[in-house]
Every structure is written in structure tokens, then in C-alpha cells.
Amino acid sequence: MRTARFPQLAVRCSWCAAPTDQLCTNPATGLSWHNKTHDARRIDWVIKTTTCPVCASAPGYSCLTTRPPLMPLTSPHPERITAADRAHTATHRTPPWPHSAPTADDRSAGPSPKPADASPSIPTQTHQGTPRSGATEPAHSAPAGLPPTSP
């Protein structure tokens, strides 16, 4: 018996309305996705199949905030996602999601992925107000609204 490549195929996609056991489709073109599903479908699968270890929400119910007043969250707690992944991995040979990082006790997930290098075109800040990219300071250092000063 062949297992599903994505466990979230067990639920209907709330984003593109793809039925169970079928891949998600692009709503604009109707073409099937061959290697991924919508994140909304994965979230629905996690919520419908797992009890949250943080807020004790039962399967089928959204996670709640941990402080009063208790409010429903838009996405499940990370611990609930991990619990769903572990429950699926315990009964299947492959991890349920390509973005799941393998843990030390989970040898079936293979080697951990190499982190991507930082893009030189996207500025990242190491300290407050200091961009790490090739961005330079403005030619003038006068406050806004004042004319630039000559060096």
C-alpha cells in the first residue's frame, strides 16, 4: 500500500477547494501543483488531526491564546505542528512536510538542510540602524528639511 506524499491530502483544501486525495490547484488557471500544497490545507490538517500540547485544544478546534481572555489564533502553535509531524512520521517512513527540520531522535528525515546564504541585494540589520548590505550612507548628513552641508 502506498502512503500519501502529503498527509494534508486527507482534508479538503480551504484555499482552492481541491477535494481530498487530490493535489491543490492554482485557482487562476486550474492547473494542478505537482510538488506542494497550500499552507491553508496543511494548517487545516494539523488542526483537524492533533490535540495542541500548549492550549489543549481538541482536534477540530483552533488553538487559543494562553493568557486570558482566551481568543482563537489564526494558526496553530508550533508545538501542535510538531506533534502532528511526529504522529505522522511514527506511522510513515517519510516526514510530512519538506520544511520540517529533522530532530536528533528522528533519523528517517535524513541530513539537515543547509541554510541558504544571505542575499546581497536584501539588506539585513545586525544592529539597530546598521544595514549589512552594500547600502551606503546618504551623501549629506543634515537632518531632514535642512540643506546638505559641504564637507
C-alpha atoms as a PDB file:
ATOM      1  CA  MET A   1       0.000   0.000   0.000  1.00  0.00           C
ATOM      2  CA  ARG A   2       1.388   3.354  -0.997  1.00  0.00           C
ATOM      3  CA  THR A   3       1.242   6.184   1.536  1.00  0.00           C
ATOM      4  CA  ALA A   4       0.254   9.718   0.620  1.00  0.00           C
ATOM      5  CA  ARG A   5       3.110  12.051  -0.198  1.00  0.00           C
ATOM      6  CA  PHE A   6       1.415  14.822   1.774  1.00  0.00           C
ATOM      7  CA  PRO A   7      -0.696  13.941   4.817  1.00  0.00           C
ATOM      8  CA  GLN A   8      -2.706  17.122   4.319  1.00  0.00           C
ATOM      9  CA  LEU A   9      -4.283  15.478   1.256  1.00  0.00           C
ATOM     10  CA  ALA A  10      -6.598  13.810   3.795  1.00  0.00           C
ATOM     11  CA  VAL A  11      -8.534  17.097   4.093  1.00  0.00           C
ATOM     12  CA  ARG A  12     -10.187  19.347   1.518  1.00  0.00           C
ATOM     13  CA  CYS A  13      -8.216  22.500   0.699  1.00  0.00           C
ATOM     14  CA  SER A  14      -9.944  25.615   2.011  1.00  0.00           C
ATOM     15  CA  TRP A  15      -7.966  27.824  -0.371  1.00  0.00           C
ATOM     16  CA  CYS A  16      -8.516  26.230  -3.801  1.00  0.00           C
ATOM     17  CA  ALA A  17     -11.319  23.765  -2.891  1.00  0.00           C
ATOM     18  CA  ALA A  18      -9.303  20.756  -4.084  1.00  0.00           C
ATOM     19  CA  PRO A  19     -11.016  17.579  -2.865  1.00  0.00           C
ATOM     20  CA  THR A  20      -9.377  15.068  -0.545  1.00  0.00           C
ATOM     21  CA  ASP A  21      -6.684  12.841  -2.063  1.00  0.00           C
ATOM     22  CA  GLN A  22      -6.042  15.327  -4.902  1.00  0.00           C
ATOM     23  CA  LEU A  23      -3.275  17.902  -5.174  1.00  0.00           C
ATOM     24  CA  CYS A  24      -4.002  21.591  -4.840  1.00  0.00           C
ATOM     25  CA  THR A  25      -4.653  23.663  -7.930  1.00  0.00           C
ATOM     26  CA  ASN A  26      -3.884  27.205  -8.968  1.00  0.00           C
ATOM     27  CA  PRO A  27      -7.253  28.968  -8.603  1.00  0.00           C
ATOM     28  CA  ALA A  28      -6.487  31.314 -11.517  1.00  0.00           C
ATOM     29  CA  THR A  29      -5.568  28.650 -14.079  1.00  0.00           C
ATOM     30  CA  GLY A  30      -6.979  25.458 -12.585  1.00  0.00           C
ATOM     31  CA  LEU A  31      -3.641  23.671 -13.119  1.00  0.00           C
ATOM     32  CA  SER A  32      -2.531  21.135 -10.539  1.00  0.00           C
ATOM     33  CA  TRP A  33       0.511  21.739  -8.343  1.00  0.00           C
ATOM     34  CA  HIS A  34       2.877  18.792  -8.597  1.00  0.00           C
ATOM     35  CA  ASN A  35       5.141  19.238  -5.599  1.00  0.00           C
ATOM     36  CA  LYS A  36       3.334  21.240  -2.921  1.00  0.00           C
ATOM     37  CA  THR A  37       0.024  22.114  -1.321  1.00  0.00           C
ATOM     38  CA  HIS A  38      -1.411  25.347   0.026  1.00  0.00           C
ATOM     39  CA  ASP A  39      -0.345  26.291   3.550  1.00  0.00           C
ATOM     40  CA  ALA A  40      -4.028  26.681   4.497  1.00  0.00           C
ATOM     41  CA  ARG A  41      -4.546  22.986   3.745  1.00  0.00           C
ATOM     42  CA  ARG A  42      -1.642  21.984   5.952  1.00  0.00           C
ATOM     43  CA  ILE A  43      -2.938  24.163   8.798  1.00  0.00           C
ATOM     44  CA  ASP A  44      -6.392  22.577   8.443  1.00  0.00           C
ATOM     45  CA  TRP A  45      -4.817  19.097   8.564  1.00  0.00           C
ATOM     46  CA  VAL A  46      -2.867  19.944  11.734  1.00  0.00           C
ATOM     47  CA  ILE A  47      -5.947  21.397  13.433  1.00  0.00           C
ATOM     48  CA  LYS A  48      -8.238  18.508  12.430  1.00  0.00           C
ATOM     49  CA  THR A  49      -5.875  15.705  13.465  1.00  0.00           C
ATOM     50  CA  THR A  50      -3.928  16.778  16.541  1.00  0.00           C
ATOM     51  CA  THR A  51      -4.563  17.969  20.091  1.00  0.00           C
ATOM     52  CA  CYS A  52      -2.498  21.032  20.968  1.00  0.00           C
ATOM     53  CA  PRO A  53       0.019  20.376  23.777  1.00  0.00           C
ATOM     54  CA  VAL A  54       0.135  24.107  24.667  1.00  0.00           C
ATOM     55  CA  CYS A  55      -3.517  25.129  24.966  1.00  0.00           C
ATOM     56  CA  ALA A  56      -5.148  21.642  24.977  1.00  0.00           C
ATOM     57  CA  SER A  57      -7.431  22.442  22.029  1.00  0.00           C
ATOM     58  CA  ALA A  58      -9.064  19.259  20.792  1.00  0.00           C
ATOM     59  CA  PRO A  59      -8.757  18.073  17.185  1.00  0.00           C
ATOM     60  CA  GLY A  60     -11.052  20.152  15.013  1.00  0.00           C
ATOM     61  CA  TYR A  61     -10.729  23.292  17.151  1.00  0.00           C
ATOM     62  CA  SER A  62      -8.350  26.234  16.651  1.00  0.00           C
ATOM     63  CA  CYS A  63      -5.582  26.962  19.135  1.00  0.00           C
ATOM     64  CA  LEU A  64      -6.287  29.562  21.803  1.00  0.00           C
ATOM     65  CA  THR A  65      -4.159  32.251  23.380  1.00  0.00           C
ATOM     66  CA  THR A  66      -2.509  31.155  26.603  1.00  0.00           C
ATOM     67  CA  ARG A  67      -3.481  34.250  28.611  1.00  0.00           C
ATOM     68  CA  PRO A  68      -7.000  35.419  29.450  1.00  0.00           C
ATOM     69  CA  PRO A  69      -9.082  36.421  27.655  1.00  0.00           C
ATOM     70  CA  LEU A  70      -8.783  33.260  25.590  1.00  0.00           C
ATOM     71  CA  MET A  71      -9.017  34.125  21.892  1.00  0.00           C
ATOM     72  CA  PRO A  72      -8.749  31.790  18.890  1.00  0.00           C
ATOM     73  CA  LEU A  73      -5.487  32.050  16.958  1.00  0.00           C
ATOM     74  CA  THR A  74      -5.254  32.192  13.160  1.00  0.00           C
ATOM     75  CA  SER A  75      -2.599  29.478  13.041  1.00  0.00           C
ATOM     76  CA  PRO A  76      -1.758  26.582  15.355  1.00  0.00           C
ATOM     77  CA  HIS A  77       1.011  26.700  17.945  1.00  0.00           C
ATOM     78  CA  PRO A  78       4.378  25.434  16.625  1.00  0.00           C
ATOM     79  CA  GLU A  79       4.244  22.635  19.215  1.00  0.00           C
ATOM     80  CA  ARG A  80       0.956  21.409  17.680  1.00  0.00           C
ATOM     81  CA  ILE A  81       2.541  21.339  14.225  1.00  0.00           C
ATOM     82  CA  THR A  82       5.489  19.368  15.624  1.00  0.00           C
ATOM     83  CA  ALA A  83       3.117  16.937  17.342  1.00  0.00           C
ATOM     84  CA  ALA A  84       1.231  16.370  14.074  1.00  0.00           C
ATOM     85  CA  ASP A  85       4.511  15.830  12.198  1.00  0.00           C
ATOM     86  CA  ARG A  86       5.740  13.317  14.783  1.00  0.00           C
ATOM     87  CA  ALA A  87       2.442  11.425  14.790  1.00  0.00           C
ATOM     88  CA  HIS A  88       2.596  11.144  11.013  1.00  0.00           C
ATOM     89  CA  THR A  89       6.290  10.202  10.954  1.00  0.00           C
ATOM     90  CA  ALA A  90       5.681   7.485  13.558  1.00  0.00           C
ATOM     91  CA  THR A  91       3.329   5.705  11.155  1.00  0.00           C
ATOM     92  CA  HIS A  92       5.024   6.563   7.841  1.00  0.00           C
ATOM     93  CA  ARG A  93       8.565   6.402   6.514  1.00  0.00           C
ATOM     94  CA  THR A  94       8.825   9.957   5.182  1.00  0.00           C
ATOM     95  CA  PRO A  95       8.413  13.256   7.012  1.00  0.00           C
ATOM     96  CA  PRO A  96       5.122  15.008   6.206  1.00  0.00           C
ATOM     97  CA  TRP A  97       6.453  18.352   5.117  1.00  0.00           C
ATOM     98  CA  PRO A  98       9.617  19.341   3.278  1.00  0.00           C
ATOM     99  CA  HIS A  99      10.047  22.326   5.599  1.00  0.00           C
ATOM    100  CA  SER A 100      10.122  20.207   8.746  1.00  0.00           C
ATOM    101  CA  ALA A 101      13.572  20.172  10.276  1.00  0.00           C
ATOM    102  CA  PRO A 102      14.699  16.727  11.437  1.00  0.00           C
ATOM    103  CA  THR A 103      15.268  16.292  15.135  1.00  0.00           C
ATOM    104  CA  ALA A 104      18.124  14.451  16.840  1.00  0.00           C
ATOM    105  CA  ASP A 105      15.897  11.441  17.612  1.00  0.00           C
ATOM    106  CA  ASP A 106      14.385  11.346  14.094  1.00  0.00           C
ATOM    107  CA  ARG A 107      16.889   9.589  11.824  1.00  0.00           C
ATOM    108  CA  SER A 108      14.393   8.929   8.990  1.00  0.00           C
ATOM    109  CA  ALA A 109      14.300  12.589   7.996  1.00  0.00           C
ATOM    110  CA  GLY A 110      17.813  12.498   6.533  1.00  0.00           C
ATOM    111  CA  PRO A 111      20.515  15.130   6.892  1.00  0.00           C
ATOM    112  CA  SER A 112      19.508  18.591   7.943  1.00  0.00           C
ATOM    113  CA  PRO A 113      19.220  21.071   5.075  1.00  0.00           C
ATOM    114  CA  LYS A 114      21.988  23.606   4.526  1.00  0.00           C
ATOM    115  CA  PRO A 115      20.804  27.131   5.406  1.00  0.00           C
ATOM    116  CA  ALA A 116      20.534  29.483   2.468  1.00  0.00           C
ATOM    117  CA  ASP A 117      23.168  32.175   2.065  1.00  0.00           C
ATOM    118  CA  ALA A 118      22.082  35.742   2.738  1.00  0.00           C
ATOM    119  CA  SER A 119      21.130  37.627  -0.385  1.00  0.00           C
ATOM    120  CA  PRO A 120      23.402  40.640  -1.009  1.00  0.00           C
ATOM    121  CA  SER A 121      20.515  42.581  -2.544  1.00  0.00           C
ATOM    122  CA  ILE A 122      18.300  42.324   0.541  1.00  0.00           C
ATOM    123  CA  PRO A 123      19.529  44.474   3.417  1.00  0.00           C
ATOM    124  CA  THR A 124      19.623  42.791   6.798  1.00  0.00           C
ATOM    125  CA  GLN A 125      20.279  44.573  10.040  1.00  0.00           C
ATOM    126  CA  THR A 126      22.815  43.307  12.520  1.00  0.00           C
ATOM    127  CA  HIS A 127      22.332  46.179  14.955  1.00  0.00           C
ATOM    128  CA  GLN A 128      19.726  48.874  15.153  1.00  0.00           C
ATOM    129  CA  GLY A 129      20.165  51.189  12.165  1.00  0.00           C
ATOM    130  CA  THR A 130      23.186  49.493  10.560  1.00  0.00           C
ATOM    131  CA  PRO A 131      22.353  47.798   7.242  1.00  0.00           C
ATOM    132  CA  ARG A 132      24.631  44.916   6.276  1.00  0.00           C
ATOM    133  CA  SER A 133      24.142  45.129   2.527  1.00  0.00           C
ATOM    134  CA  GLY A 134      26.087  47.358   0.154  1.00  0.00           C
ATOM    135  CA  ALA A 135      23.909  50.323   1.088  1.00  0.00           C
ATOM    136  CA  THR A 136      25.874  53.445   1.937  1.00  0.00           C
ATOM    137  CA  GLU A 137      25.071  56.496   3.970  1.00  0.00           C
ATOM    138  CA  PRO A 138      23.450  59.411   2.146  1.00  0.00           C
ATOM    139  CA  ALA A 139      25.767  61.982   0.598  1.00  0.00           C
ATOM    140  CA  HIS A 140      24.721  64.515   3.199  1.00  0.00           C
ATOM    141  CA  SER A 141      24.248  64.140   6.921  1.00  0.00           C
ATOM    142  CA  ALA A 142      21.925  67.074   7.575  1.00  0.00           C
ATOM    143  CA  PRO A 143      18.584  66.455   9.260  1.00  0.00           C
ATOM    144  CA  ALA A 144      15.538  66.284   7.018  1.00  0.00           C
ATOM    145  CA  GLY A 145      14.331  69.661   5.814  1.00  0.00           C
ATOM    146  CA  LEU A 146      17.751  71.336   6.039  1.00  0.00           C
ATOM    147  CA  PRO A 147      20.070  71.858   3.072  1.00  0.00           C
ATOM    148  CA  PRO A 148      23.050  69.495   2.835  1.00  0.00           C
ATOM    149  CA  THR A 149      26.321  70.685   4.330  1.00  0.00           C
ATOM    150  CA  SER A 150      29.518  70.712   2.365  1.00  0.00           C
ATOM    151  CA  PRO A 151      32.449  68.649   3.634  1.00  0.00           C
END
